[in-house]
Amino acid sequence: MDSTDRVRGICLALPETTERLSHGTPAFFVRDRKMFVMLWAGGHHDDDFPLLWCAAPAGAQEELIKADPERFFRPPYVGHRGWLGVRLDRDPDWSEIAELCEDAFRAVAPKTLAARLDAD
């Protein structure tokens, strides 16, 4: 299974999530409105490896980049809003990727919808 299929499976398992292309790449939205994950399967601009961009809770971007700058980065365009970039070409821990996607969902979803994750 490739990174696109894995990320798709993780994101579409979250409540009221939809997928559509944004900027030519798969993107995942809460209630078809607020994007929470973007997958650059072929990389972005000069990068030719898969990248995940995701919304992140306050402070997470700085913490994760500081802890592992070879894997995490501040993505262009959305990094100033706290989004996190993750390289997927270095044997990613898919349970960690699932947690990052869930955190991204929680960061943009209405509280009542995010609470459904805790009820499951």
PDB file of N, CA and C in Angstrom:
ATOM      1  N   MET A   1       0.857  -1.172   0.000  1.00  0.00           N
ATOM      2  CA  MET A   1       0.000   0.000   0.000  1.00  0.00           C
ATOM      3  C   MET A   1       0.908   1.242   0.000  1.00  0.00           C
ATOM      4  N   ASP A   2       0.614   2.185  -0.877  1.00  0.00           N
ATOM      5  CA  ASP A   2       1.448   3.389  -0.948  1.00  0.00           C
ATOM      6  C   ASP A   2       0.967   4.447   0.048  1.00  0.00           C
ATOM      7  N   SER A   3       1.740   5.521   0.162  1.00  0.00           N
ATOM      8  CA  SER A   3       1.432   6.551   1.163  1.00  0.00           C
ATOM      9  C   SER A   3       0.074   7.201   0.914  1.00  0.00           C
ATOM     10  N   THR A   4      -0.316   7.373  -0.344  1.00  0.00           N
ATOM     11  CA  THR A   4      -1.614   7.983  -0.631  1.00  0.00           C
ATOM     12  C   THR A   4      -2.737   7.114  -0.083  1.00  0.00           C
ATOM     13  N   ASP A   5      -2.672   5.814  -0.343  1.00  0.00           N
ATOM     14  CA  ASP A   5      -3.711   4.907   0.148  1.00  0.00           C
ATOM     15  C   ASP A   5      -3.743   4.857   1.670  1.00  0.00           C
ATOM     16  N   ARG A   6      -2.577   4.869   2.296  1.00  0.00           N
ATOM     17  CA  ARG A   6      -2.524   4.836   3.758  1.00  0.00           C
ATOM     18  C   ARG A   6      -3.136   6.097   4.368  1.00  0.00           C
ATOM     19  N   VAL A   7      -2.731   7.263   3.856  1.00  0.00           N
ATOM     20  CA  VAL A   7      -3.265   8.530   4.387  1.00  0.00           C
ATOM     21  C   VAL A   7      -4.758   8.614   4.114  1.00  0.00           C
ATOM     22  N   ARG A   8      -5.164   8.202   2.937  1.00  0.00           N
ATOM     23  CA  ARG A   8      -6.601   8.210   2.596  1.00  0.00           C
ATOM     24  C   ARG A   8      -7.388   7.348   3.592  1.00  0.00           C
ATOM     25  N   GLY A   9      -6.910   6.164   3.886  1.00  0.00           N
ATOM     26  CA  GLY A   9      -7.596   5.280   4.826  1.00  0.00           C
ATOM     27  C   GLY A   9      -7.685   5.888   6.219  1.00  0.00           C
ATOM     28  N   ILE A  10      -6.606   6.522   6.659  1.00  0.00           N
ATOM     29  CA  ILE A  10      -6.588   7.162   7.978  1.00  0.00           C
ATOM     30  C   ILE A  10      -7.601   8.303   8.027  1.00  0.00           C
ATOM     31  N   CYS A  11      -7.528   9.190   7.038  1.00  0.00           N
ATOM     32  CA  CYS A  11      -8.370  10.390   7.070  1.00  0.00           C
ATOM     33  C   CYS A  11      -9.845  10.098   6.841  1.00  0.00           C
ATOM     34  N   LEU A  12     -10.151   9.218   5.901  1.00  0.00           N
ATOM     35  CA  LEU A  12     -11.551   8.952   5.601  1.00  0.00           C
ATOM     36  C   LEU A  12     -12.244   8.142   6.697  1.00  0.00           C
ATOM     37  N   ALA A  13     -11.483   7.588   7.623  1.00  0.00           N
ATOM     38  CA  ALA A  13     -12.077   6.895   8.771  1.00  0.00           C
ATOM     39  C   ALA A  13     -12.567   7.878   9.830  1.00  0.00           C
ATOM     40  N   LEU A  14     -12.168   9.134   9.713  1.00  0.00           N
ATOM     41  CA  LEU A  14     -12.598  10.161  10.667  1.00  0.00           C
ATOM     42  C   LEU A  14     -13.995  10.647  10.287  1.00  0.00           C
ATOM     43  N   PRO A  15     -14.823  11.018  11.257  1.00  0.00           N
ATOM     44  CA  PRO A  15     -16.220  11.372  10.964  1.00  0.00           C
ATOM     45  C   PRO A  15     -16.365  12.590  10.056  1.00  0.00           C
ATOM     46  N   GLU A  16     -17.284  12.456   9.118  1.00  0.00           N
ATOM     47  CA  GLU A  16     -17.682  13.542   8.219  1.00  0.00           C
ATOM     48  C   GLU A  16     -16.500  14.153   7.464  1.00  0.00           C
ATOM     49  N   THR A  17     -15.581  13.274   7.063  1.00  0.00           N
ATOM     50  CA  THR A  17     -14.419  13.692   6.284  1.00  0.00           C
ATOM     51  C   THR A  17     -14.660  13.400   4.816  1.00  0.00           C
ATOM     52  N   THR A  18     -14.241  14.328   3.974  1.00  0.00           N
ATOM     53  CA  THR A  18     -14.316  14.141   2.535  1.00  0.00           C
ATOM     54  C   THR A  18     -12.945  14.399   1.932  1.00  0.00           C
ATOM     55  N   GLU A  19     -12.770  13.893   0.731  1.00  0.00           N
ATOM     56  CA  GLU A  19     -11.516  14.092  -0.004  1.00  0.00           C
ATOM     57  C   GLU A  19     -11.822  14.764  -1.334  1.00  0.00           C
ATOM     58  N   ARG A  20     -10.967  15.692  -1.692  1.00  0.00           N
ATOM     59  CA  ARG A  20     -11.013  16.263  -3.043  1.00  0.00           C
ATOM     60  C   ARG A  20      -9.645  16.837  -3.352  1.00  0.00           C
ATOM     61  N   LEU A  21      -9.403  17.070  -4.619  1.00  0.00           N
ATOM     62  CA  LEU A  21      -8.125  17.650  -5.009  1.00  0.00           C
ATOM     63  C   LEU A  21      -8.087  19.120  -4.636  1.00  0.00           C
ATOM     64  N   SER A  22      -6.940  19.533  -4.141  1.00  0.00           N
ATOM     65  CA  SER A  22      -6.683  20.941  -3.875  1.00  0.00           C
ATOM     66  C   SER A  22      -5.261  21.199  -4.344  1.00  0.00           C
ATOM     67  N   HIS A  23      -5.110  22.143  -5.231  1.00  0.00           N
ATOM     68  CA  HIS A  23      -3.799  22.425  -5.813  1.00  0.00           C
ATOM     69  C   HIS A  23      -3.217  21.182  -6.489  1.00  0.00           C
ATOM     70  N   GLY A  24      -4.103  20.352  -7.035  1.00  0.00           N
ATOM     71  CA  GLY A  24      -3.688  19.170  -7.773  1.00  0.00           C
ATOM     72  C   GLY A  24      -3.266  17.979  -6.932  1.00  0.00           C
ATOM     73  N   THR A  25      -3.532  18.024  -5.634  1.00  0.00           N
ATOM     74  CA  THR A  25      -3.109  16.938  -4.756  1.00  0.00           C
ATOM     75  C   THR A  25      -4.247  16.547  -3.809  1.00  0.00           C
ATOM     76  N   PRO A  26      -4.279  15.299  -3.341  1.00  0.00           N
ATOM     77  CA  PRO A  26      -5.347  14.896  -2.433  1.00  0.00           C
ATOM     78  C   PRO A  26      -5.347  15.730  -1.151  1.00  0.00           C
ATOM     79  N   ALA A  27      -6.537  16.178  -0.779  1.00  0.00           N
ATOM     80  CA  ALA A  27      -6.705  16.963   0.443  1.00  0.00           C
ATOM     81  C   ALA A  27      -7.956  16.452   1.147  1.00  0.00           C
ATOM     82  N   PHE A  28      -7.944  16.561   2.467  1.00  0.00           N
ATOM     83  CA  PHE A  28      -9.023  16.016   3.281  1.00  0.00           C
ATOM     84  C   PHE A  28      -9.651  17.132   4.098  1.00  0.00           C
ATOM     85  N   PHE A  29     -10.985  17.133   4.116  1.00  0.00           N
ATOM     86  CA  PHE A  29     -11.762  18.232   4.674  1.00  0.00           C
ATOM     87  C   PHE A  29     -12.760  17.729   5.708  1.00  0.00           C
ATOM     88  N   VAL A  30     -12.997  18.528   6.720  1.00  0.00           N
ATOM     89  CA  VAL A  30     -14.049  18.271   7.700  1.00  0.00           C
ATOM     90  C   VAL A  30     -15.323  18.904   7.157  1.00  0.00           C
ATOM     91  N   ARG A  31     -16.352  18.090   7.058  1.00  0.00           N
ATOM     92  CA  ARG A  31     -17.649  18.550   6.538  1.00  0.00           C
ATOM     93  C   ARG A  31     -17.523  19.277   5.206  1.00  0.00           C
ATOM     94  N   ASP A  32     -16.570  18.836   4.411  1.00  0.00           N
ATOM     95  CA  ASP A  32     -16.338  19.353   3.057  1.00  0.00           C
ATOM     96  C   ASP A  32     -16.001  20.839   3.036  1.00  0.00           C
ATOM     97  N   ARG A  33     -15.578  21.398   4.183  1.00  0.00           N
ATOM     98  CA  ARG A  33     -15.282  22.834   4.246  1.00  0.00           C
ATOM     99  C   ARG A  33     -13.870  23.142   4.695  1.00  0.00           C
ATOM    100  N   LYS A  34     -13.461  22.615   5.836  1.00  0.00           N
ATOM    101  CA  LYS A  34     -12.167  22.985   6.414  1.00  0.00           C
ATOM    102  C   LYS A  34     -11.133  21.891   6.172  1.00  0.00           C
ATOM    103  N   MET A  35     -10.082  22.258   5.445  1.00  0.00           N
ATOM    104  CA  MET A  35      -9.018  21.307   5.164  1.00  0.00           C
ATOM    105  C   MET A  35      -8.207  21.046   6.434  1.00  0.00           C
ATOM    106  N   PHE A  36      -7.850  19.765   6.634  1.00  0.00           N
ATOM    107  CA  PHE A  36      -7.001  19.436   7.774  1.00  0.00           C
ATOM    108  C   PHE A  36      -5.755  18.647   7.383  1.00  0.00           C
ATOM    109  N   VAL A  37      -5.741  18.035   6.218  1.00  0.00           N
ATOM    110  CA  VAL A  37      -4.566  17.299   5.732  1.00  0.00           C
ATOM    111  C   VAL A  37      -4.455  17.475   4.227  1.00  0.00           C
ATOM    112  N   MET A  38      -3.217  17.621   3.786  1.00  0.00           N
ATOM    113  CA  MET A  38      -2.891  17.683   2.366  1.00  0.00           C
ATOM    114  C   MET A  38      -1.750  16.705   2.125  1.00  0.00           C
ATOM    115  N   LEU A  39      -1.828  15.931   1.071  1.00  0.00           N
ATOM    116  CA  LEU A  39      -0.807  14.936   0.775  1.00  0.00           C
ATOM    117  C   LEU A  39      -0.152  15.260  -0.562  1.00  0.00           C
ATOM    118  N   TRP A  40       1.111  15.541  -0.509  1.00  0.00           N
ATOM    119  CA  TRP A  40       1.884  15.776  -1.735  1.00  0.00           C
ATOM    120  C   TRP A  40       2.570  14.462  -2.072  1.00  0.00           C
ATOM    121  N   ALA A  41       1.858  13.577  -2.781  1.00  0.00           N
ATOM    122  CA  ALA A  41       2.345  12.222  -3.042  1.00  0.00           C
ATOM    123  C   ALA A  41       3.636  12.216  -3.854  1.00  0.00           C
ATOM    124  N   GLY A  42       3.774  13.143  -4.774  1.00  0.00           N
ATOM    125  CA  GLY A  42       4.995  13.213  -5.583  1.00  0.00           C
ATOM    126  C   GLY A  42       5.909  14.315  -5.128  1.00  0.00           C
ATOM    127  N   GLY A  43       5.673  14.821  -3.944  1.00  0.00           N
ATOM    128  CA  GLY A  43       6.474  15.928  -3.444  1.00  0.00           C
ATOM    129  C   GLY A  43       5.833  17.255  -3.783  1.00  0.00           C
ATOM    130  N   HIS A  44       6.521  18.304  -3.445  1.00  0.00           N
ATOM    131  CA  HIS A  44       6.043  19.657  -3.692  1.00  0.00           C
ATOM    132  C   HIS A  44       7.176  20.456  -4.310  1.00  0.00           C
ATOM    133  N   HIS A  45       6.933  21.016  -5.457  1.00  0.00           N
ATOM    134  CA  HIS A  45       7.929  21.791  -6.206  1.00  0.00           C
ATOM    135  C   HIS A  45       9.199  20.971  -6.432  1.00  0.00           C
ATOM    136  N   ASP A  46      10.278  21.259  -5.744  1.00  0.00           N
ATOM    137  CA  ASP A  46      11.553  20.589  -5.999  1.00  0.00           C
ATOM    138  C   ASP A  46      11.719  19.271  -5.254  1.00  0.00           C
ATOM    139  N   ASP A  47      10.807  18.942  -4.369  1.00  0.00           N
ATOM    140  CA  ASP A  47      10.911  17.689  -3.626  1.00  0.00           C
ATOM    141  C   ASP A  47      10.269  16.580  -4.442  1.00  0.00           C
ATOM    142  N   ASP A  48      10.953  15.461  -4.570  1.00  0.00           N
ATOM    143  CA  ASP A  48      10.366  14.348  -5.322  1.00  0.00           C
ATOM    144  C   ASP A  48      10.060  13.160  -4.421  1.00  0.00           C
ATOM    145  N   PHE A  49       9.674  13.451  -3.195  1.00  0.00           N
ATOM    146  CA  PHE A  49       9.281  12.420  -2.241  1.00  0.00           C
ATOM    147  C   PHE A  49       7.968  12.849  -1.604  1.00  0.00           C
ATOM    148  N   PRO A  50       7.196  11.895  -1.082  1.00  0.00           N
ATOM    149  CA  PRO A  50       5.877  12.237  -0.521  1.00  0.00           C
ATOM    150  C   PRO A  50       5.990  13.058   0.763  1.00  0.00           C
ATOM    151  N   LEU A  51       5.077  14.021   0.868  1.00  0.00           N
ATOM    152  CA  LEU A  51       5.005  14.916   2.019  1.00  0.00           C
ATOM    153  C   LEU A  51       3.572  14.985   2.521  1.00  0.00           C
ATOM    154  N   LEU A  52       3.428  15.088   3.815  1.00  0.00           N
ATOM    155  CA  LEU A  52       2.128  15.306   4.439  1.00  0.00           C
ATOM    156  C   LEU A  52       2.159  16.681   5.079  1.00  0.00           C
ATOM    157  N   TRP A  53       1.155  17.474   4.810  1.00  0.00           N
ATOM    158  CA  TRP A  53       0.984  18.760   5.491  1.00  0.00           C
ATOM    159  C   TRP A  53      -0.292  18.625   6.305  1.00  0.00           C
ATOM    160  N   CYS A  54      -0.251  19.006   7.578  1.00  0.00           N
ATOM    161  CA  CYS A  54      -1.449  18.866   8.392  1.00  0.00           C
ATOM    162  C   CYS A  54      -1.574  20.004   9.393  1.00  0.00           C
ATOM    163  N   ALA A  55      -2.821  20.330   9.697  1.00  0.00           N
ATOM    164  CA  ALA A  55      -3.084  21.286  10.763  1.00  0.00           C
ATOM    165  C   ALA A  55      -2.518  20.682  12.044  1.00  0.00           C
ATOM    166  N   ALA A  56      -2.130  21.538  12.973  1.00  0.00           N
ATOM    167  CA  ALA A  56      -1.543  21.025  14.211  1.00  0.00           C
ATOM    168  C   ALA A  56      -2.020  21.870  15.390  1.00  0.00           C
ATOM    169  N   PRO A  57      -2.104  21.248  16.560  1.00  0.00           N
ATOM    170  CA  PRO A  57      -2.469  22.026  17.745  1.00  0.00           C
ATOM    171  C   PRO A  57      -1.395  23.076  18.042  1.00  0.00           C
ATOM    172  N   ALA A  58      -1.776  24.094  18.763  1.00  0.00           N
ATOM    173  CA  ALA A  58      -0.843  25.174  19.106  1.00  0.00           C
ATOM    174  C   ALA A  58       0.416  24.611  19.753  1.00  0.00           C
ATOM    175  N   GLY A  59       1.557  25.049  19.257  1.00  0.00           N
ATOM    176  CA  GLY A  59       2.846  24.654  19.810  1.00  0.00           C
ATOM    177  C   GLY A  59       3.427  23.363  19.268  1.00  0.00           C
ATOM    178  N   ALA A  60       2.614  22.542  18.638  1.00  0.00           N
ATOM    179  CA  ALA A  60       3.089  21.236  18.155  1.00  0.00           C
ATOM    180  C   ALA A  60       4.113  21.384  17.034  1.00  0.00           C
ATOM    181  N   GLN A  61       3.882  22.330  16.130  1.00  0.00           N
ATOM    182  CA  GLN A  61       4.809  22.519  15.015  1.00  0.00           C
ATOM    183  C   GLN A  61       6.232  22.752  15.527  1.00  0.00           C
ATOM    184  N   GLU A  62       6.396  23.715  16.409  1.00  0.00           N
ATOM    185  CA  GLU A  62       7.716  24.051  16.922  1.00  0.00           C
ATOM    186  C   GLU A  62       8.343  22.881  17.673  1.00  0.00           C
ATOM    187  N   GLU A  63       7.548  22.230  18.497  1.00  0.00           N
ATOM    188  CA  GLU A  63       8.041  21.116  19.305  1.00  0.00           C
ATOM    189  C   GLU A  63       8.547  19.965  18.440  1.00  0.00           C
ATOM    190  N   LEU A  64       7.761  19.583  17.442  1.00  0.00           N
ATOM    191  CA  LEU A  64       8.137  18.437  16.608  1.00  0.00           C
ATOM    192  C   LEU A  64       9.315  18.765  15.696  1.00  0.00           C
ATOM    193  N   ILE A  65       9.338  19.971  15.141  1.00  0.00           N
ATOM    194  CA  ILE A  65      10.473  20.349  14.290  1.00  0.00           C
ATOM    195  C   ILE A  65      11.761  20.372  15.113  1.00  0.00           C
ATOM    196  N   LYS A  66      11.680  20.878  16.303  1.00  0.00           N
ATOM    197  CA  LYS A  66      12.864  20.930  17.174  1.00  0.00           C
ATOM    198  C   LYS A  66      13.333  19.513  17.523  1.00  0.00           C
ATOM    199  N   ALA A  67      12.404  18.613  17.784  1.00  0.00           N
ATOM    200  CA  ALA A  67      12.733  17.249  18.170  1.00  0.00           C
ATOM    201  C   ALA A  67      13.327  16.442  17.012  1.00  0.00           C
ATOM    202  N   ASP A  68      12.856  16.674  15.780  1.00  0.00           N
ATOM    203  CA  ASP A  68      13.323  15.883  14.638  1.00  0.00           C
ATOM    204  C   ASP A  68      13.232  16.698  13.344  1.00  0.00           C
ATOM    205  N   PRO A  69      14.172  17.630  13.139  1.00  0.00           N
ATOM    206  CA  PRO A  69      14.117  18.497  11.955  1.00  0.00           C
ATOM    207  C   PRO A  69      14.386  17.776  10.630  1.00  0.00           C
ATOM    208  N   GLU A  70      14.859  16.554  10.686  1.00  0.00           N
ATOM    209  CA  GLU A  70      15.059  15.782   9.458  1.00  0.00           C
ATOM    210  C   GLU A  70      13.737  15.214   8.936  1.00  0.00           C
ATOM    211  N   ARG A  71      12.767  15.100   9.806  1.00  0.00           N
ATOM    212  CA  ARG A  71      11.474  14.516   9.434  1.00  0.00           C
ATOM    213  C   ARG A  71      10.358  15.542   9.387  1.00  0.00           C
ATOM    214  N   PHE A  72      10.368  16.510  10.306  1.00  0.00           N
ATOM    215  CA  PHE A  72       9.308  17.512  10.385  1.00  0.00           C
ATOM    216  C   PHE A  72       9.814  18.858   9.899  1.00  0.00           C
ATOM    217  N   PHE A  73       8.902  19.653   9.322  1.00  0.00           N
ATOM    218  CA  PHE A  73       9.280  20.965   8.811  1.00  0.00           C
ATOM    219  C   PHE A  73       8.071  21.892   8.808  1.00  0.00           C
ATOM    220  N   ARG A  74       8.359  23.174   8.625  1.00  0.00           N
ATOM    221  CA  ARG A  74       7.310  24.190   8.515  1.00  0.00           C
ATOM    222  C   ARG A  74       6.978  24.338   7.025  1.00  0.00           C
ATOM    223  N   PRO A  75       5.804  23.883   6.609  1.00  0.00           N
ATOM    224  CA  PRO A  75       5.481  23.909   5.180  1.00  0.00           C
ATOM    225  C   PRO A  75       5.225  25.329   4.670  1.00  0.00           C
ATOM    226  N   PRO A  76       5.540  25.547   3.395  1.00  0.00           N
ATOM    227  CA  PRO A  76       5.240  26.856   2.814  1.00  0.00           C
ATOM    228  C   PRO A  76       3.728  27.092   2.766  1.00  0.00           C
ATOM    229  N   TYR A  77       3.339  28.341   2.673  1.00  0.00           N
ATOM    230  CA  TYR A  77       1.941  28.778   2.525  1.00  0.00           C
ATOM    231  C   TYR A  77       1.090  28.619   3.786  1.00  0.00           C
ATOM    232  N   VAL A  78       1.199  27.491   4.485  1.00  0.00           N
ATOM    233  CA  VAL A  78       0.345  27.233   5.651  1.00  0.00           C
ATOM    234  C   VAL A  78       1.129  27.118   6.961  1.00  0.00           C
ATOM    235  N   GLY A  79       2.432  27.088   6.878  1.00  0.00           N
ATOM    236  CA  GLY A  79       3.260  26.952   8.065  1.00  0.00           C
ATOM    237  C   GLY A  79       3.080  28.090   9.050  1.00  0.00           C
ATOM    238  N   HIS A  80       2.840  29.290   8.530  1.00  0.00           N
ATOM    239  CA  HIS A  80       2.644  30.438   9.420  1.00  0.00           C
ATOM    240  C   HIS A  80       1.371  30.316  10.250  1.00  0.00           C
ATOM    241  N   ARG A  81       0.467  29.414   9.849  1.00  0.00           N
ATOM    242  CA  ARG A  81      -0.761  29.177  10.614  1.00  0.00           C
ATOM    243  C   ARG A  81      -0.614  27.995  11.569  1.00  0.00           C
ATOM    244  N   GLY A  82       0.623  27.497  11.727  1.00  0.00           N
ATOM    245  CA  GLY A  82       0.874  26.405  12.655  1.00  0.00           C
ATOM    246  C   GLY A  82       0.833  25.016  12.044  1.00  0.00           C
ATOM    247  N   TRP A  83       0.609  24.932  10.737  1.00  0.00           N
ATOM    248  CA  TRP A  83       0.577  23.621  10.101  1.00  0.00           C
ATOM    249  C   TRP A  83       1.955  22.977  10.173  1.00  0.00           C
ATOM    250  N   LEU A  84       1.954  21.655  10.119  1.00  0.00           N
ATOM    251  CA  LEU A  84       3.165  20.862  10.226  1.00  0.00           C
ATOM    252  C   LEU A  84       3.385  20.097   8.926  1.00  0.00           C
ATOM    253  N   GLY A  85       4.630  20.024   8.490  1.00  0.00           N
ATOM    254  CA  GLY A  85       5.007  19.204   7.346  1.00  0.00           C
ATOM    255  C   GLY A  85       5.731  17.961   7.838  1.00  0.00           C
ATOM    256  N   VAL A  86       5.467  16.826   7.183  1.00  0.00           N
ATOM    257  CA  VAL A  86       6.085  15.560   7.561  1.00  0.00           C
ATOM    258  C   VAL A  86       6.593  14.865   6.305  1.00  0.00           C
ATOM    259  N   ARG A  87       7.860  14.490   6.312  1.00  0.00           N
ATOM    260  CA  ARG A  87       8.405  13.698   5.206  1.00  0.00           C
ATOM    261  C   ARG A  87       7.913  12.266   5.359  1.00  0.00           C
ATOM    262  N   LEU A  88       7.465  11.680   4.248  1.00  0.00           N
ATOM    263  CA  LEU A  88       6.970  10.300   4.278  1.00  0.00           C
ATOM    264  C   LEU A  88       7.907   9.338   3.563  1.00  0.00           C
ATOM    265  N   ASP A  89       9.114   9.794   3.259  1.00  0.00           N
ATOM    266  CA  ASP A  89      10.061   8.952   2.522  1.00  0.00           C
ATOM    267  C   ASP A  89      11.071   8.268   3.429  1.00  0.00           C
ATOM    268  N   ARG A  90      10.937   8.425   4.717  1.00  0.00           N
ATOM    269  CA  ARG A  90      11.922   7.887   5.656  1.00  0.00           C
ATOM    270  C   ARG A  90      11.286   6.871   6.597  1.00  0.00           C
ATOM    271  N   ASP A  91      10.701   5.839   6.027  1.00  0.00           N
ATOM    272  CA  ASP A  91      10.079   4.767   6.804  1.00  0.00           C
ATOM    273  C   ASP A  91       9.181   5.317   7.908  1.00  0.00           C
ATOM    274  N   PRO A  92       8.088   5.971   7.522  1.00  0.00           N
ATOM    275  CA  PRO A  92       7.222   6.600   8.523  1.00  0.00           C
ATOM    276  C   PRO A  92       6.579   5.594   9.476  1.00  0.00           C
ATOM    277  N   ASP A  93       6.380   6.037  10.682  1.00  0.00           N
ATOM    278  CA  ASP A  93       5.647   5.271  11.681  1.00  0.00           C
ATOM    279  C   ASP A  93       4.167   5.584  11.423  1.00  0.00           C
ATOM    280  N   TRP A  94       3.442   4.632  10.848  1.00  0.00           N
ATOM    281  CA  TRP A  94       2.077   4.904  10.413  1.00  0.00           C
ATOM    282  C   TRP A  94       1.120   5.120  11.578  1.00  0.00           C
ATOM    283  N   SER A  95       1.411   4.580  12.742  1.00  0.00           N
ATOM    284  CA  SER A  95       0.552   4.888  13.892  1.00  0.00           C
ATOM    285  C   SER A  95       0.764   6.345  14.309  1.00  0.00           C
ATOM    286  N   GLU A  96       1.990   6.845  14.197  1.00  0.00           N
ATOM    287  CA  GLU A  96       2.251   8.255  14.486  1.00  0.00           C
ATOM    288  C   GLU A  96       1.581   9.161  13.445  1.00  0.00           C
ATOM    289  N   ILE A  97       1.625   8.757  12.183  1.00  0.00           N
ATOM    290  CA  ILE A  97       0.962   9.530  11.124  1.00  0.00           C
ATOM    291  C   ILE A  97      -0.541   9.576  11.397  1.00  0.00           C
ATOM    292  N   ALA A  98      -1.110   8.466  11.829  1.00  0.00           N
ATOM    293  CA  ALA A  98      -2.542   8.438  12.160  1.00  0.00           C
ATOM    294  C   ALA A  98      -2.850   9.398  13.304  1.00  0.00           C
ATOM    295  N   GLU A  99      -1.981   9.450  14.304  1.00  0.00           N
ATOM    296  CA  GLU A  99      -2.173  10.390  15.420  1.00  0.00           C
ATOM    297  C   GLU A  99      -2.080  11.837  14.942  1.00  0.00           C
ATOM    298  N   LEU A 100      -1.132  12.121  14.065  1.00  0.00           N
ATOM    299  CA  LEU A 100      -0.996  13.482  13.531  1.00  0.00           C
ATOM    300  C   LEU A 100      -2.244  13.884  12.737  1.00  0.00           C
ATOM    301  N   CYS A 101      -2.775  12.941  11.958  1.00  0.00           N
ATOM    302  CA  CYS A 101      -3.989  13.231  11.182  1.00  0.00           C
ATOM    303  C   CYS A 101      -5.183  13.447  12.107  1.00  0.00           C
ATOM    304  N   GLU A 102      -5.276  12.654  13.151  1.00  0.00           N
ATOM    305  CA  GLU A 102      -6.373  12.838  14.115  1.00  0.00           C
ATOM    306  C   GLU A 102      -6.234  14.177  14.839  1.00  0.00           C
ATOM    307  N   ASP A 103      -5.002  14.526  15.221  1.00  0.00           N
ATOM    308  CA  ASP A 103      -4.774  15.831  15.854  1.00  0.00           C
ATOM    309  C   ASP A 103      -5.152  16.966  14.904  1.00  0.00           C
ATOM    310  N   ALA A 104      -4.829  16.795  13.619  1.00  0.00           N
ATOM    311  CA  ALA A 104      -5.172  17.807  12.612  1.00  0.00           C
ATOM    312  C   ALA A 104      -6.685  17.950  12.504  1.00  0.00           C
ATOM    313  N   PHE A 105      -7.377  16.818  12.490  1.00  0.00           N
ATOM    314  CA  PHE A 105      -8.840  16.821  12.443  1.00  0.00           C
ATOM    315  C   PHE A 105      -9.400  17.588  13.641  1.00  0.00           C
ATOM    316  N   ARG A 106      -8.907  17.250  14.826  1.00  0.00           N
ATOM    317  CA  ARG A 106      -9.368  17.915  16.050  1.00  0.00           C
ATOM    318  C   ARG A 106      -9.090  19.424  16.021  1.00  0.00           C
ATOM    319  N   ALA A 107      -7.993  19.820  15.369  1.00  0.00           N
ATOM    320  CA  ALA A 107      -7.616  21.236  15.327  1.00  0.00           C
ATOM    321  C   ALA A 107      -8.598  22.079  14.521  1.00  0.00           C
ATOM    322  N   VAL A 108      -9.293  21.473  13.552  1.00  0.00           N
ATOM    323  CA  VAL A 108     -10.195  22.261  12.700  1.00  0.00           C
ATOM    324  C   VAL A 108     -11.666  21.883  12.844  1.00  0.00           C
ATOM    325  N   ALA A 109     -11.952  20.709  13.382  1.00  0.00           N
ATOM    326  CA  ALA A 109     -13.343  20.248  13.481  1.00  0.00           C
ATOM    327  C   ALA A 109     -14.093  20.991  14.582  1.00  0.00           C
ATOM    328  N   PRO A 110     -15.402  21.158  14.401  1.00  0.00           N
ATOM    329  CA  PRO A 110     -16.211  21.686  15.508  1.00  0.00           C
ATOM    330  C   PRO A 110     -16.071  20.758  16.720  1.00  0.00           C
ATOM    331  N   LYS A 111     -16.156  21.321  17.907  1.00  0.00           N
ATOM    332  CA  LYS A 111     -15.938  20.543  19.137  1.00  0.00           C
ATOM    333  C   LYS A 111     -16.875  19.349  19.248  1.00  0.00           C
ATOM    334  N   THR A 112     -18.117  19.523  18.828  1.00  0.00           N
ATOM    335  CA  THR A 112     -19.068  18.411  18.932  1.00  0.00           C
ATOM    336  C   THR A 112     -18.678  17.257  18.015  1.00  0.00           C
ATOM    337  N   LEU A 113     -18.132  17.570  16.856  1.00  0.00           N
ATOM    338  CA  LEU A 113     -17.699  16.544  15.920  1.00  0.00           C
ATOM    339  C   LEU A 113     -16.414  15.875  16.421  1.00  0.00           C
ATOM    340  N   ALA A 114     -15.480  16.652  16.919  1.00  0.00           N
ATOM    341  CA  ALA A 114     -14.242  16.103  17.472  1.00  0.00           C
ATOM    342  C   ALA A 114     -14.533  15.191  18.661  1.00  0.00           C
ATOM    343  N   ALA A 115     -15.553  15.530  19.431  1.00  0.00           N
ATOM    344  CA  ALA A 115     -15.917  14.717  20.598  1.00  0.00           C
ATOM    345  C   ALA A 115     -16.358  13.321  20.197  1.00  0.00           C
ATOM    346  N   ARG A 116     -16.829  13.169  18.974  1.00  0.00           N
ATOM    347  CA  ARG A 116     -17.233  11.829  18.498  1.00  0.00           C
ATOM    348  C   ARG A 116     -16.060  10.872  18.457  1.00  0.00           C
ATOM    349  N   LEU A 117     -14.840  11.397  18.300  1.00  0.00           N
ATOM    350  CA  LEU A 117     -13.659  10.527  18.309  1.00  0.00           C
ATOM    351  C   LEU A 117     -13.478   9.887  19.681  1.00  0.00           C
ATOM    352  N   ASP A 118     -13.759  10.636  20.720  1.00  0.00           N
ATOM    353  CA  ASP A 118     -13.608  10.128  22.082  1.00  0.00           C
ATOM    354  C   ASP A 118     -14.711   9.139  22.438  1.00  0.00           C
ATOM    355  N   ALA A 119     -15.863   9.275  21.810  1.00  0.00           N
ATOM    356  CA  ALA A 119     -16.990   8.398  22.102  1.00  0.00           C
ATOM    357  C   ALA A 119     -16.819   7.022  21.456  1.00  0.00           C
ATOM    358  N   ASP A 120     -16.026   6.961  20.384  1.00  0.00           N
ATOM    359  CA  ASP A 120     -15.852   5.690  19.656  1.00  0.00           C
ATOM    360  C   ASP A 120     -14.920   4.734  20.352  1.00  0.00           C
TER     361      ASP A 120
END
